[in-house]
Structures are given as C-alpha cells and as structure tokens.
Amino acid sequence: MMRDDIASTVNWNASDIGTDLVLETNKMRVWHLRLAPGQTLPPHRHDRPYFWTVLTDGKGLSCFEDGRRVPVTYAAGDTRYFPDLTPSNGFVHDLTNVGDAELVFVTTEFKH
C-alpha cells in the first residue's frame, strides 16, 4: 500500500498528470511536467493510453498505490508508451525528482 500519510490525502481520481496543461482537444491532452530537485508531482491516476518523453537527464522515484517504490534513471529522449490503459486497469502513482537537476517531460494522453 501507499504510505498511510500519503494515502489519506490522495484524490484517487486526480487526473492532472503534469504541471501545465498546454493543449486539449476532443482526442487528447498534452502536458508539460517540470520538477525541481526534491519536488513531487502528487499522486494521480492514469486510466487512458498515454506516452511521455523526458527532455532532461535525471533521476525519479515513483510510489504506487500497491506500495511499490520504483527508482528510475532518465536520459534525455527516453520515451515510454502505455497503450492499453482503461479505467478498469489504470494505476495511481506520484513522481519525485530525486536528482540534482530539473526533470522536464512532455506527456500526451489520449481520450477514449
């Protein structure tokens, strides 16, 4: 499980998957995500197909609702696609920048 102090404050339906929504159409939403060292994007739900591309090198740590803590080392240009997410198989996690430099992502989320 997610830490109790986090779980008690989570909006389990939060859908802000970035820090800035830069484009929204009837088919997609495009987000920028900028995290300074030590900054955390609060827990949020992914329940639609999406992909992200990281624009900077860095290190992150995601805590998932099932208790997993997953460290990740990013290289500028890394991209990951999640094609099969739906409301029934989505997931909740946060993302903390545990590196020494700003983490910057562009994330595109497709609407059902």
Foldseek 3Di string as FASTA:
>chain_A
DFPPVQVVPDPAAAAPPADDFDDDDPWKTKHKHKAAAFGKARKHKDQFKKKKFKQAWAKKWKAWPVGDIDIDTDHHGDMDTDHDGHPVPMTIIMMHGNTHGMIIMMMMTTDD
